[in-house]
Amino acid sequence: MEEHAQSLADELSADGLEVLLDDRDARAGEKFADADLIGCPVRVTVGRKIAEDGTVDVRERAKGEDMAVSVGELVSTVREKLS
């Protein structure tokens, strides 16, 4: 999963988006809370679903809704959420 996360972070960054990759050895809940505390407007969670069906979870902090997004649509979805 770490390789997928790094690859997607690189892809988002190459498209001009500012990316914070949290690769700490911490529980997911702790990472999510920290992302909210520092004000990340969009959170992309790379989990086991990427291997199962090629999707990641995208959460817009303002709305508090998670949605599954295919890897191929990630950049456009994040751009849409930020506009």
Protein backbone atom coordinates (compact mmCIF):
# COMPACT_ATOMS: atom_id res chain seq x y z
CA MET A 1 0.00 0.00 0.00
CA GLU A 2 2.88 2.37 0.73
CA GLU A 3 4.02 2.12 -2.89
CA HIS A 4 0.52 2.97 -4.12
CA ALA A 5 0.29 5.91 -1.73
CA GLN A 6 3.64 7.31 -2.86
CA SER A 7 2.74 6.86 -6.52
CA LEU A 8 -0.59 8.67 -6.09
CA ALA A 9 1.05 11.44 -4.06
CA ASP A 10 3.58 11.91 -6.86
CA GLU A 11 0.79 12.02 -9.44
CA LEU A 12 -1.16 14.66 -7.51
CA SER A 13 1.99 16.68 -6.91
CA ALA A 14 2.95 16.51 -10.60
CA ASP A 15 -0.46 18.01 -11.38
CA GLY A 16 0.42 21.02 -9.24
CA LEU A 17 -1.43 20.03 -6.07
CA GLU A 18 0.14 20.38 -2.64
CA VAL A 19 0.39 16.96 -1.03
CA LEU A 20 1.07 15.86 2.53
CA LEU A 21 1.85 12.15 2.67
CA ASP A 22 1.45 10.84 6.21
CA ASP A 23 3.68 7.79 6.34
CA ARG A 24 4.10 7.75 10.11
CA ASP A 25 3.83 4.52 12.04
CA ALA A 26 0.57 5.57 13.72
CA ARG A 27 -3.03 4.39 13.85
CA ALA A 28 -5.28 5.55 11.02
CA GLY A 29 -7.57 7.42 13.42
CA GLU A 30 -4.65 9.42 14.76
CA LYS A 31 -3.57 10.35 11.24
CA PHE A 32 -7.12 11.38 10.31
CA ALA A 33 -7.44 13.55 13.42
CA ASP A 34 -4.12 15.25 12.70
CA ALA A 35 -5.14 15.93 9.09
CA ASP A 36 -8.30 17.60 10.37
CA LEU A 37 -6.36 19.61 12.96
CA ILE A 38 -3.97 21.06 10.40
CA GLY A 39 -6.85 21.82 8.05
CA CYS A 40 -6.31 19.52 5.08
CA PRO A 41 -9.33 20.26 2.89
CA VAL A 42 -9.28 16.89 1.11
CA ARG A 43 -8.02 13.59 2.48
CA VAL A 44 -7.18 10.63 0.27
CA THR A 45 -6.97 7.29 2.07
CA VAL A 46 -5.12 4.48 0.34
CA GLY A 47 -6.16 1.19 1.89
CA ARG A 48 -6.78 -2.40 0.94
CA LYS A 49 -9.55 -1.37 -1.49
CA ILE A 50 -6.87 -0.25 -3.94
CA ALA A 51 -5.80 -3.86 -4.36
CA GLU A 52 -9.36 -5.19 -4.36
CA ASP A 53 -11.07 -2.85 -6.81
CA GLY A 54 -8.62 -0.05 -7.68
CA THR A 55 -10.29 2.64 -5.59
CA VAL A 56 -9.24 4.99 -2.81
CA ASP A 57 -11.38 6.92 -0.33
CA VAL A 58 -11.64 10.68 -0.77
CA ARG A 59 -13.03 12.82 2.04
CA GLU A 60 -13.84 16.50 1.75
CA ARG A 61 -13.35 17.87 5.27
CA ALA A 62 -16.02 20.58 4.95
CA LYS A 63 -18.74 18.06 4.04
CA GLY A 64 -17.50 15.09 6.06
CA GLU A 65 -18.47 12.64 3.34
CA ASP A 66 -16.33 9.77 2.07
CA MET A 67 -16.53 8.55 -1.48
CA ALA A 68 -14.76 5.74 -3.31
CA VAL A 69 -12.87 7.04 -6.34
CA SER A 70 -11.03 5.04 -8.97
CA VAL A 71 -7.32 5.72 -9.20
CA GLY A 72 -7.76 7.02 -12.75
CA GLU A 73 -10.23 9.67 -11.60
CA LEU A 74 -8.35 10.76 -8.48
CA VAL A 75 -6.65 13.90 -9.81
CA SER A 76 -9.81 15.27 -11.42
CA THR A 77 -11.89 14.47 -8.32
CA VAL A 78 -9.45 16.19 -5.97
CA ARG A 79 -9.28 19.22 -8.29
CA GLU A 80 -13.08 19.35 -8.32
CA LYS A 81 -13.25 19.18 -4.51
CA LEU A 82 -10.75 22.02 -4.20
CA SER A 83 -12.53 24.37 -6.58
